[in-house]
Amino acid sequence: MRKQRLPRPGERVKVGRRLLVVPGVKSMTDRDPVVPAPTPAGGESEKPADEPSEELTRTIKAAYQ
């Protein structure tokens, strides 16, 4: 006894008493390329969000001394 192949997208399949159409699914690897985020306008310097500002760093150091 051979194994049955899986139904293709758009193919009709009988499930119980109902006849269903198998939906097509997009591949995760065939996505559009990711658009890079826009750079800050003007001469603003971009700091990583992980690093606290200098003022906050001084406040934290003062609190622990």
C-alpha atoms as a PDB file:
ATOM      1  CA  MET A   1       0.000   0.000   0.000  1.00  0.00           C
ATOM      2  CA  ARG A   2       1.473   3.355  -1.087  1.00  0.00           C
ATOM      3  CA  LYS A   3       1.360   6.592   0.875  1.00  0.00           C
ATOM      4  CA  GLN A   4      -1.017   9.235  -0.436  1.00  0.00           C
ATOM      5  CA  ARG A   5       0.494  12.561  -1.450  1.00  0.00           C
ATOM      6  CA  LEU A   6      -0.585  15.742   0.341  1.00  0.00           C
ATOM      7  CA  PRO A   7      -3.187  17.911  -1.393  1.00  0.00           C
ATOM      8  CA  ARG A   8      -1.872  20.878  -3.409  1.00  0.00           C
ATOM      9  CA  PRO A   9      -3.032  24.484  -2.811  1.00  0.00           C
ATOM     10  CA  GLY A  10      -6.437  25.127  -4.380  1.00  0.00           C
ATOM     11  CA  GLU A  11      -7.244  21.420  -4.539  1.00  0.00           C
ATOM     12  CA  ARG A  12     -10.579  20.183  -3.203  1.00  0.00           C
ATOM     13  CA  VAL A  13     -10.416  17.688  -0.346  1.00  0.00           C
ATOM     14  CA  LYS A  14     -13.226  15.761   1.262  1.00  0.00           C
ATOM     15  CA  VAL A  15     -13.163  16.048   5.066  1.00  0.00           C
ATOM     16  CA  GLY A  16     -15.943  13.999   6.594  1.00  0.00           C
ATOM     17  CA  ARG A  17     -19.072  14.998   4.677  1.00  0.00           C
ATOM     18  CA  ARG A  18     -17.730  18.390   3.635  1.00  0.00           C
ATOM     19  CA  LEU A  19     -15.717  19.349   0.563  1.00  0.00           C
ATOM     20  CA  LEU A  20     -13.017  21.910   1.403  1.00  0.00           C
ATOM     21  CA  VAL A  21     -10.540  23.839  -0.742  1.00  0.00           C
ATOM     22  CA  VAL A  22      -6.963  23.729   0.563  1.00  0.00           C
ATOM     23  CA  PRO A  23      -5.684  27.323   0.970  1.00  0.00           C
ATOM     24  CA  GLY A  24      -2.385  28.412  -0.547  1.00  0.00           C
ATOM     25  CA  VAL A  25       0.285  29.500   1.956  1.00  0.00           C
ATOM     26  CA  LYS A  26       3.117  31.930   1.174  1.00  0.00           C
ATOM     27  CA  SER A  27       6.629  30.715   1.869  1.00  0.00           C
ATOM     28  CA  MET A  28       8.458  32.461   4.701  1.00  0.00           C
ATOM     29  CA  THR A  29      11.703  32.468   2.696  1.00  0.00           C
ATOM     30  CA  ASP A  30      10.205  34.262  -0.338  1.00  0.00           C
ATOM     31  CA  ARG A  31       9.385  37.477   1.522  1.00  0.00           C
ATOM     32  CA  ASP A  32      10.171  40.986   0.309  1.00  0.00           C
ATOM     33  CA  PRO A  33      13.497  42.371   1.567  1.00  0.00           C
ATOM     34  CA  VAL A  34      13.278  44.311   4.815  1.00  0.00           C
ATOM     35  CA  VAL A  35      13.219  48.075   4.307  1.00  0.00           C
ATOM     36  CA  PRO A  36      15.811  49.812   6.524  1.00  0.00           C
ATOM     37  CA  ALA A  37      14.561  52.349   9.050  1.00  0.00           C
ATOM     38  CA  PRO A  38      14.913  55.998   8.040  1.00  0.00           C
ATOM     39  CA  THR A  39      17.920  57.848   9.420  1.00  0.00           C
ATOM     40  CA  PRO A  40      17.305  60.734  11.840  1.00  0.00           C
ATOM     41  CA  ALA A  41      16.729  64.086  10.144  1.00  0.00           C
ATOM     42  CA  GLY A  42      19.208  66.917  10.485  1.00  0.00           C
ATOM     43  CA  GLY A  43      22.418  66.477  12.461  1.00  0.00           C
ATOM     44  CA  GLU A  44      20.903  64.399  15.248  1.00  0.00           C
ATOM     45  CA  SER A  45      23.236  61.727  16.546  1.00  0.00           C
ATOM     46  CA  GLU A  46      21.549  58.381  17.006  1.00  0.00           C
ATOM     47  CA  LYS A  47      22.270  56.605  20.318  1.00  0.00           C
ATOM     48  CA  PRO A  48      21.380  52.991  20.988  1.00  0.00           C
ATOM     49  CA  ALA A  49      18.334  52.621  23.230  1.00  0.00           C
ATOM     50  CA  ASP A  50      20.213  50.188  25.498  1.00  0.00           C
ATOM     51  CA  GLU A  51      22.620  52.821  26.830  1.00  0.00           C
ATOM     52  CA  PRO A  52      21.293  55.325  29.400  1.00  0.00           C
ATOM     53  CA  SER A  53      22.033  59.026  28.928  1.00  0.00           C
ATOM     54  CA  GLU A  54      25.031  60.603  30.681  1.00  0.00           C
ATOM     55  CA  GLU A  55      22.770  62.440  33.147  1.00  0.00           C
ATOM     56  CA  LEU A  56      21.012  59.219  34.112  1.00  0.00           C
ATOM     57  CA  THR A  57      24.361  57.433  34.503  1.00  0.00           C
ATOM     58  CA  ARG A  58      25.602  60.154  36.888  1.00  0.00           C
ATOM     59  CA  THR A  59      22.370  59.965  38.901  1.00  0.00           C
ATOM     60  CA  ILE A  60      22.666  56.180  39.256  1.00  0.00           C
ATOM     61  CA  LYS A  61      26.327  56.388  40.301  1.00  0.00           C
ATOM     62  CA  ALA A  62      25.526  59.087  42.882  1.00  0.00           C
ATOM     63  CA  ALA A  63      22.712  56.967  44.331  1.00  0.00           C
ATOM     64  CA  TYR A  64      25.016  53.970  44.919  1.00  0.00           C
ATOM     65  CA  GLN A  65      27.791  55.966  46.626  1.00  0.00           C
END
